[in-house]
C-alpha atoms as a PDB file:
ATOM      1  CA  MET A   1      48.273 102.742  71.790  1.00  0.00           C
ATOM      2  CA  GLN A   2      50.099 104.914  74.287  1.00  0.00           C
ATOM      3  CA  THR A   3      53.174 103.677  76.106  1.00  0.00           C
ATOM      4  CA  ALA A   4      53.902 104.450  79.727  1.00  0.00           C
ATOM      5  CA  PRO A   5      56.673 106.998  80.304  1.00  0.00           C
ATOM      6  CA  LEU A   6      60.023 105.499  81.154  1.00  0.00           C
ATOM      7  CA  GLU A   7      61.109 105.658  84.773  1.00  0.00           C
ATOM      8  CA  GLU A   8      63.881 108.081  85.660  1.00  0.00           C
ATOM      9  CA  PRO A   9      67.072 106.033  85.735  1.00  0.00           C
ATOM     10  CA  VAL A  10      69.106 105.888  88.919  1.00  0.00           C
ATOM     11  CA  LEU A  11      72.578 107.143  88.053  1.00  0.00           C
ATOM     12  CA  ASN A  12      75.806 106.443  89.848  1.00  0.00           C
ATOM     13  CA  GLU A  13      78.219 109.312  90.519  1.00  0.00           C
ATOM     14  CA  GLU A  14      80.211 108.882  87.297  1.00  0.00           C
ATOM     15  CA  GLN A  15      77.061 108.646  85.189  1.00  0.00           C
ATOM     16  CA  GLN A  16      75.705 111.808  86.804  1.00  0.00           C
ATOM     17  CA  ARG A  17      78.965 113.658  85.999  1.00  0.00           C
ATOM     18  CA  CYS A  18      78.614 112.555  82.391  1.00  0.00           C
ATOM     19  CA  LEU A  19      74.973 113.605  82.239  1.00  0.00           C
ATOM     20  CA  ASP A  20      75.835 116.988  83.754  1.00  0.00           C
ATOM     21  CA  LEU A  21      77.915 117.702  80.636  1.00  0.00           C
ATOM     22  CA  TYR A  22      74.679 117.961  78.630  1.00  0.00           C
ATOM     23  CA  SER A  23      72.809 121.256  78.432  1.00  0.00           C
ATOM     24  CA  GLU A  24      69.053 121.307  77.923  1.00  0.00           C
ATOM     25  CA  THR A  25      69.746 122.020  74.237  1.00  0.00           C
ATOM     26  CA  ASP A  26      72.038 118.987  74.053  1.00  0.00           C
ATOM     27  CA  LEU A  27      69.410 116.761  75.654  1.00  0.00           C
ATOM     28  CA  HIS A  28      66.834 118.053  73.187  1.00  0.00           C
ATOM     29  CA  MET A  29      69.219 117.157  70.330  1.00  0.00           C
ATOM     30  CA  MET A  30      69.516 113.636  71.780  1.00  0.00           C
ATOM     31  CA  GLU A  31      65.712 113.341  71.809  1.00  0.00           C
ATOM     32  CA  LEU A  32      65.563 114.478  68.187  1.00  0.00           C
ATOM     33  CA  ALA A  33      68.201 111.891  67.280  1.00  0.00           C
ATOM     34  CA  ASP A  34      66.101 109.181  68.921  1.00  0.00           C
ATOM     35  CA  ALA A  35      63.031 110.394  67.027  1.00  0.00           C
ATOM     36  CA  ALA A  36      64.918 110.119  63.718  1.00  0.00           C
ATOM     37  CA  LYS A  37      66.001 106.512  64.188  1.00  0.00           C
ATOM     38  CA  GLY A  38      64.125 103.727  62.528  1.00  0.00           C
ATOM     39  CA  LYS A  39      64.964 100.163  61.655  1.00  0.00           C
ATOM     40  CA  GLY A  40      66.021  99.895  58.039  1.00  0.00           C
ATOM     41  CA  LEU A  41      66.002 103.637  57.336  1.00  0.00           C
ATOM     42  CA  SER A  42      68.651 105.193  55.122  1.00  0.00           C
ATOM     43  CA  ARG A  43      70.679 108.122  56.388  1.00  0.00           C
ATOM     44  CA  ILE A  44      68.659 110.416  54.087  1.00  0.00           C
ATOM     45  CA  GLU A  45      65.396 109.124  55.568  1.00  0.00           C
ATOM     46  CA  GLU A  46      66.792 109.733  59.056  1.00  0.00           C
ATOM     47  CA  ILE A  47      67.758 113.297  58.122  1.00  0.00           C
ATOM     48  CA  VAL A  48      64.210 113.912  56.904  1.00  0.00           C
ATOM     49  CA  ARG A  49      62.755 112.483  60.129  1.00  0.00           C
ATOM     50  CA  PHE A  50      65.206 114.483  62.260  1.00  0.00           C
ATOM     51  CA  ALA A  51      64.418 117.734  60.447  1.00  0.00           C
ATOM     52  CA  ARG A  52      60.681 117.160  60.800  1.00  0.00           C
ATOM     53  CA  ALA A  53      60.972 116.275  64.500  1.00  0.00           C
ATOM     54  CA  ALA A  54      62.940 119.514  65.002  1.00  0.00           C
ATOM     55  CA  ASN A  55      60.376 121.488  62.960  1.00  0.00           C
ATOM     56  CA  TYR A  56      63.110 122.563  60.553  1.00  0.00           C
ATOM     57  CA  THR A  57      61.919 123.804  57.177  1.00  0.00           C
ATOM     58  CA  ARG A  58      65.155 125.220  55.705  1.00  0.00           C
ATOM     59  CA  LEU A  59      68.023 122.836  55.007  1.00  0.00           C
ATOM     60  CA  GLY A  60      71.458 123.576  53.572  1.00  0.00           C
ATOM     61  CA  ILE A  61      73.709 121.348  51.506  1.00  0.00           C
ATOM     62  CA  ALA A  62      77.450 122.043  51.292  1.00  0.00           C
ATOM     63  CA  HIS A  63      79.056 119.722  48.770  1.00  0.00           C
ATOM     64  CA  CYS A  64      82.265 119.140  46.870  1.00  0.00           C
ATOM     65  CA  VAL A  65      82.072 119.639  43.114  1.00  0.00           C
ATOM     66  CA  ALA A  66      83.151 115.979  42.788  1.00  0.00           C
ATOM     67  CA  VAL A  67      79.756 114.902  44.197  1.00  0.00           C
ATOM     68  CA  LYS A  68      77.679 117.590  42.458  1.00  0.00           C
ATOM     69  CA  SER A  69      75.228 115.099  40.945  1.00  0.00           C
ATOM     70  CA  ALA A  70      74.621 113.568  44.389  1.00  0.00           C
ATOM     71  CA  GLY A  71      74.127 117.086  45.805  1.00  0.00           C
ATOM     72  CA  LEU A  72      71.567 117.853  43.101  1.00  0.00           C
ATOM     73  CA  ARG A  73      69.782 114.553  43.779  1.00  0.00           C
ATOM     74  CA  LEU A  74      69.661 115.235  47.533  1.00  0.00           C
ATOM     75  CA  GLU A  75      68.305 118.730  46.870  1.00  0.00           C
ATOM     76  CA  GLU A  76      65.582 117.187  44.709  1.00  0.00           C
ATOM     77  CA  ILE A  77      64.676 114.579  47.357  1.00  0.00           C
ATOM     78  CA  LEU A  78      64.551 117.091  50.217  1.00  0.00           C
ATOM     79  CA  SER A  79      62.551 119.589  48.138  1.00  0.00           C
ATOM     80  CA  ARG A  80      60.064 116.857  47.269  1.00  0.00           C
ATOM     81  CA  GLU A  81      59.777 116.170  51.026  1.00  0.00           C
ATOM     82  CA  GLY A  82      58.658 119.783  51.470  1.00  0.00           C
ATOM     83  CA  PHE A  83      61.878 121.436  52.646  1.00  0.00           C
ATOM     84  CA  GLU A  84      63.300 124.714  51.369  1.00  0.00           C
ATOM     85  CA  VAL A  85      66.818 123.742  50.300  1.00  0.00           C
ATOM     86  CA  THR A  86      69.891 125.861  49.616  1.00  0.00           C
ATOM     87  CA  ARG A  87      72.798 124.046  47.959  1.00  0.00           C
ATOM     88  CA  VAL A  88      76.321 125.483  47.726  1.00  0.00           C
ATOM     89  CA  ASP A  89      79.306 123.844  46.047  1.00  0.00           C
ATOM     90  CA  CYS A  90      82.850 124.121  47.379  1.00  0.00           C
ATOM     91  CA  LYS A  91      84.154 126.431  44.650  1.00  0.00           C
ATOM     92  CA  VAL A  92      81.888 129.311  45.690  1.00  0.00           C
ATOM     93  CA  CYS A  93      83.598 132.716  45.121  1.00  0.00           C
ATOM     94  CA  ARG A  94      86.255 130.977  42.985  1.00  0.00           C
ATOM     95  CA  LEU A  95      89.140 131.862  45.317  1.00  0.00           C
ATOM     96  CA  PRO A  96      92.583 131.250  43.784  1.00  0.00           C
ATOM     97  CA  GLY A  97      94.223 128.280  45.521  1.00  0.00           C
ATOM     98  CA  ALA A  98      97.457 130.212  46.062  1.00  0.00           C
ATOM     99  CA  ALA A  99      95.513 132.833  48.067  1.00  0.00           C
ATOM    100  CA  VAL A 100      94.587 130.344  50.805  1.00  0.00           C
ATOM    101  CA  SER A 101      97.516 127.894  50.794  1.00  0.00           C
ATOM    102  CA  ALA A 102     101.185 128.155  49.847  1.00  0.00           C
ATOM    103  CA  ASN A 103     100.776 124.959  47.817  1.00  0.00           C
ATOM    104  CA  GLY A 104      97.373 125.937  46.432  1.00  0.00           C
ATOM    105  CA  ARG A 105      96.692 125.523  42.725  1.00  0.00           C
ATOM    106  CA  GLY A 106      93.711 126.326  40.576  1.00  0.00           C
ATOM    107  CA  VAL A 107      90.469 127.325  42.236  1.00  0.00           C
ATOM    108  CA  SER A 108      90.368 126.678  45.972  1.00  0.00           C
ATOM    109  CA  CYS A 109      87.601 125.115  47.951  1.00  0.00           C
ATOM    110  CA  ASN A 110      85.878 127.665  50.170  1.00  0.00           C
ATOM    111  CA  PRO A 111      84.258 125.950  53.182  1.00  0.00           C
ATOM    112  CA  ILE A 112      83.925 129.204  55.132  1.00  0.00           C
ATOM    113  CA  GLY A 113      82.178 130.774  52.149  1.00  0.00           C
ATOM    114  CA  GLN A 114      79.820 127.794  52.018  1.00  0.00           C
ATOM    115  CA  ALA A 115      78.997 128.211  55.715  1.00  0.00           C
ATOM    116  CA  ARG A 116      78.420 131.955  55.307  1.00  0.00           C
ATOM    117  CA  LEU A 117      76.111 131.547  52.325  1.00  0.00           C
ATOM    118  CA  LEU A 118      74.039 128.939  54.159  1.00  0.00           C
ATOM    119  CA  ALA A 119      73.854 131.263  57.185  1.00  0.00           C
ATOM    120  CA  LYS A 120      72.676 134.056  54.889  1.00  0.00           C
ATOM    121  CA  ALA A 121      69.995 131.671  53.583  1.00  0.00           C
ATOM    122  CA  ASP A 122      68.979 131.113  57.228  1.00  0.00           C
ATOM    123  CA  THR A 123      69.223 127.330  57.027  1.00  0.00           C
ATOM    124  CA  GLN A 124      68.390 125.424  60.207  1.00  0.00           C
ATOM    125  CA  LEU A 125      70.360 122.238  59.497  1.00  0.00           C
ATOM    126  CA  ASN A 126      73.330 121.849  57.160  1.00  0.00           C
ATOM    127  CA  ILE A 127      74.374 118.672  55.384  1.00  0.00           C
ATOM    128  CA  SER A 128      78.014 118.112  54.425  1.00  0.00           C
ATOM    129  CA  MET A 129      78.673 116.065  51.304  1.00  0.00           C
ATOM    130  CA  GLY A 130      82.165 115.025  50.247  1.00  0.00           C
ATOM    131  CA  LEU A 131      84.118 118.001  51.574  1.00  0.00           C
ATOM    132  CA  CYS A 132      87.882 117.497  51.838  1.00  0.00           C
ATOM    133  CA  LEU A 133      89.386 116.658  55.216  1.00  0.00           C
ATOM    134  CA  GLY A 134      90.087 119.965  56.932  1.00  0.00           C
ATOM    135  CA  HIS A 135      87.596 121.757  54.723  1.00  0.00           C
ATOM    136  CA  ASP A 136      84.822 119.791  56.447  1.00  0.00           C
ATOM    137  CA  LEU A 137      86.221 120.913  59.812  1.00  0.00           C
ATOM    138  CA  LEU A 138      86.207 124.563  58.766  1.00  0.00           C
ATOM    139  CA  PHE A 139      82.683 124.225  57.375  1.00  0.00           C
ATOM    140  CA  GLN A 140      81.440 122.783  60.678  1.00  0.00           C
ATOM    141  CA  LYS A 141      83.316 125.375  62.716  1.00  0.00           C
ATOM    142  CA  HIS A 142      81.862 128.296  60.763  1.00  0.00           C
ATOM    143  CA  SER A 143      78.321 126.959  60.337  1.00  0.00           C
ATOM    144  CA  CYS A 144      75.810 128.843  62.444  1.00  0.00           C
ATOM    145  CA  ASN A 145      73.602 125.784  62.822  1.00  0.00           C
ATOM    146  CA  PRO A 146      74.046 122.038  63.302  1.00  0.00           C
ATOM    147  CA  VAL A 147      75.877 120.080  60.613  1.00  0.00           C
ATOM    148  CA  THR A 148      75.407 116.424  59.780  1.00  0.00           C
ATOM    149  CA  THR A 149      77.616 114.508  57.361  1.00  0.00           C
ATOM    150  CA  LEU A 150      76.056 112.477  54.596  1.00  0.00           C
ATOM    151  CA  ILE A 151      79.176 111.742  52.509  1.00  0.00           C
ATOM    152  CA  VAL A 152      82.857 111.898  53.426  1.00  0.00           C
ATOM    153  CA  LYS A 153      85.511 112.125  50.747  1.00  0.00           C
ATOM    154  CA  ASP A 154      87.282 108.788  50.257  1.00  0.00           C
ATOM    155  CA  ARG A 155      87.999 108.377  46.568  1.00  0.00           C
ATOM    156  CA  PRO A 156      89.543 104.870  46.593  1.00  0.00           C
ATOM    157  CA  ASN A 157      86.550 103.476  48.490  1.00  0.00           C
ATOM    158  CA  GLY A 158      83.741 105.190  46.624  1.00  0.00           C
ATOM    159  CA  HIS A 159      83.348 107.732  49.473  1.00  0.00           C
ATOM    160  CA  ASN A 160      82.683 104.913  51.940  1.00  0.00           C
ATOM    161  CA  PRO A 161      85.592 104.827  54.441  1.00  0.00           C
ATOM    162  CA  LEU A 162      84.046 101.832  56.209  1.00  0.00           C
ATOM    163  CA  LEU A 163      85.331  99.687  53.346  1.00  0.00           C
ATOM    164  CA  ALA A 164      88.929 100.413  54.397  1.00  0.00           C
ATOM    165  CA  LEU A 165      88.182  98.979  57.847  1.00  0.00           C
ATOM    166  CA  ILE A 166      86.583  95.720  56.725  1.00  0.00           C
ATOM    167  CA  PRO A 167      89.066  92.871  56.170  1.00  0.00           C
ATOM    168  CA  SER A 168      88.937  91.640  52.591  1.00  0.00           C
END
């Protein structure tokens, strides 16, 4: 069953100014986002649908070593779905912490290194998993392709910051 195309909406002046902020690429991304949505789908299922709608075949995973097992599991799921997956943990290159921060100790996280390795692997969509605040920003900034976040680091709430916003 085919549905009739939606009518072009009539926009007021403010709405038109807002719409004008979107490039053709941005509007295409919005269409892909709509294609990925589905009632009752998990975020992983939506990522799979998004990647397929975009005709992406190569996905990257940048994860914290604290969520390594989840990174491995996601790699397994996405590979089973037919994607070529490159996974990089945050300790790539094993930079000394003191080399990147005056207060750095041990081995530093390396979000720029993660982004560069995924670019070298020619990934088309990168997935961030549990990167530290600030490190996630650098990873996104230096990624050559779109980044979506699957897990944010929030240790007291099991990496689910929504729990801190729900009254107990």
